[in-house]
């Protein structure tokens, strides 16, 4: 398993790319419901499960490219 934080960027709390993320096997999204988005503030995280650590890391890196925090 690999966990990756979703960090604030002062641009918004709307997470783009969720549809694609949730269709991937072994991927779980956890948003914390925070209203204030500050730089580098933990807004949520996703967890990736895979058979090997290398596979989980590779999948997590791919997912990081799919998602972005946008203005609501």
C-alpha atoms as a PDB file:
ATOM      1  CA  UNK A   1       0.000   0.000   0.000  1.00  0.00           C
ATOM      2  CA  UNK A   2       1.047   3.567  -0.739  1.00  0.00           C
ATOM      3  CA  UNK A   3      -0.615   6.722   0.612  1.00  0.00           C
ATOM      4  CA  UNK A   4      -0.284  10.107  -1.108  1.00  0.00           C
ATOM      5  CA  UNK A   5      -1.427  13.375   0.484  1.00  0.00           C
ATOM      6  CA  UNK A   6      -3.523  15.845  -1.486  1.00  0.00           C
ATOM      7  CA  UNK A   7      -2.111  19.224  -0.511  1.00  0.00           C
ATOM      8  CA  UNK A   8      -3.781  22.619  -0.704  1.00  0.00           C
ATOM      9  CA  UNK A   9      -2.688  25.190  -3.243  1.00  0.00           C
ATOM     10  CA  UNK A  10      -4.875  28.245  -2.443  1.00  0.00           C
ATOM     11  CA  UNK A  11      -6.778  27.657  -5.694  1.00  0.00           C
ATOM     12  CA  UNK A  12      -9.836  25.799  -4.404  1.00  0.00           C
ATOM     13  CA  UNK A  13     -11.301  22.651  -2.919  1.00  0.00           C
ATOM     14  CA  UNK A  14     -12.844  21.103  -6.038  1.00  0.00           C
ATOM     15  CA  UNK A  15     -10.909  17.945  -6.905  1.00  0.00           C
ATOM     16  CA  UNK A  16     -10.675  17.364 -10.658  1.00  0.00           C
ATOM     17  CA  UNK A  17     -10.068  13.820 -11.928  1.00  0.00           C
ATOM     18  CA  UNK A  18     -12.014  11.974  -9.226  1.00  0.00           C
ATOM     19  CA  UNK A  19     -14.069  10.000 -11.760  1.00  0.00           C
ATOM     20  CA  UNK A  20     -10.952   8.442 -13.298  1.00  0.00           C
ATOM     21  CA  UNK A  21      -9.355   7.868  -9.898  1.00  0.00           C
ATOM     22  CA  UNK A  22     -12.342   5.971  -8.483  1.00  0.00           C
ATOM     23  CA  UNK A  23     -12.514   3.635 -11.502  1.00  0.00           C
ATOM     24  CA  UNK A  24      -9.000   2.304 -10.856  1.00  0.00           C
ATOM     25  CA  UNK A  25      -8.788  -0.978  -8.907  1.00  0.00           C
ATOM     26  CA  UNK A  26      -7.224  -0.775  -5.461  1.00  0.00           C
ATOM     27  CA  UNK A  27      -7.533   3.022  -5.183  1.00  0.00           C
ATOM     28  CA  UNK A  28      -9.316   4.695  -2.274  1.00  0.00           C
ATOM     29  CA  UNK A  29      -9.924   8.446  -1.882  1.00  0.00           C
ATOM     30  CA  UNK A  30     -10.303  10.187   1.490  1.00  0.00           C
ATOM     31  CA  UNK A  31     -11.143  13.908   1.496  1.00  0.00           C
ATOM     32  CA  UNK A  32     -11.137  15.624   4.887  1.00  0.00           C
ATOM     33  CA  UNK A  33     -13.915  18.154   4.171  1.00  0.00           C
ATOM     34  CA  UNK A  34     -11.818  21.196   5.085  1.00  0.00           C
ATOM     35  CA  UNK A  35     -13.244  24.497   3.863  1.00  0.00           C
ATOM     36  CA  UNK A  36     -10.025  26.535   3.993  1.00  0.00           C
ATOM     37  CA  UNK A  37      -7.416  25.582   1.438  1.00  0.00           C
ATOM     38  CA  UNK A  38      -3.981  26.915   2.372  1.00  0.00           C
ATOM     39  CA  UNK A  39      -0.655  26.190   0.742  1.00  0.00           C
ATOM     40  CA  UNK A  40       0.534  22.664   1.526  1.00  0.00           C
ATOM     41  CA  UNK A  41      -2.428  22.064   3.891  1.00  0.00           C
ATOM     42  CA  UNK A  42      -3.531  18.425   3.891  1.00  0.00           C
ATOM     43  CA  UNK A  43      -6.914  18.395   2.156  1.00  0.00           C
ATOM     44  CA  UNK A  44      -7.135  14.620   1.806  1.00  0.00           C
ATOM     45  CA  UNK A  45      -5.229  11.587   0.578  1.00  0.00           C
ATOM     46  CA  UNK A  46      -5.540   8.574  -1.623  1.00  0.00           C
ATOM     47  CA  UNK A  47      -4.357   5.066  -0.905  1.00  0.00           C
ATOM     48  CA  UNK A  48      -3.208   2.624  -3.565  1.00  0.00           C
ATOM     49  CA  UNK A  49      -3.164  -1.135  -2.951  1.00  0.00           C
ATOM     50  CA  UNK A  50      -1.158  -3.435  -5.227  1.00  0.00           C
ATOM     51  CA  UNK A  51       0.615  -6.784  -5.178  1.00  0.00           C
ATOM     52  CA  UNK A  52       4.070  -5.174  -4.916  1.00  0.00           C
ATOM     53  CA  UNK A  53       5.410  -1.916  -3.542  1.00  0.00           C
ATOM     54  CA  UNK A  54       6.873  -0.969  -6.934  1.00  0.00           C
ATOM     55  CA  UNK A  55       3.478  -1.436  -8.575  1.00  0.00           C
ATOM     56  CA  UNK A  56       1.735   0.635  -5.885  1.00  0.00           C
ATOM     57  CA  UNK A  57       4.284   3.459  -6.262  1.00  0.00           C
ATOM     58  CA  UNK A  58       3.959   3.411 -10.043  1.00  0.00           C
ATOM     59  CA  UNK A  59       0.162   3.545  -9.823  1.00  0.00           C
ATOM     60  CA  UNK A  60       0.305   6.373  -7.272  1.00  0.00           C
ATOM     61  CA  UNK A  61       2.600   8.443  -9.500  1.00  0.00           C
ATOM     62  CA  UNK A  62       0.170   7.964 -12.394  1.00  0.00           C
ATOM     63  CA  UNK A  63      -2.771   9.036 -10.221  1.00  0.00           C
ATOM     64  CA  UNK A  64      -0.970  12.197  -9.059  1.00  0.00           C
ATOM     65  CA  UNK A  65      -1.011  13.327 -12.692  1.00  0.00           C
ATOM     66  CA  UNK A  66      -4.785  12.743 -12.966  1.00  0.00           C
ATOM     67  CA  UNK A  67      -5.982  14.897 -10.070  1.00  0.00           C
ATOM     68  CA  UNK A  68      -5.885  18.635  -9.309  1.00  0.00           C
ATOM     69  CA  UNK A  69      -7.517  20.979  -6.804  1.00  0.00           C
ATOM     70  CA  UNK A  70      -9.563  23.648  -8.628  1.00  0.00           C
ATOM     71  CA  UNK A  71     -11.805  26.542  -7.582  1.00  0.00           C
ATOM     72  CA  UNK A  72     -15.389  25.557  -6.758  1.00  0.00           C
END
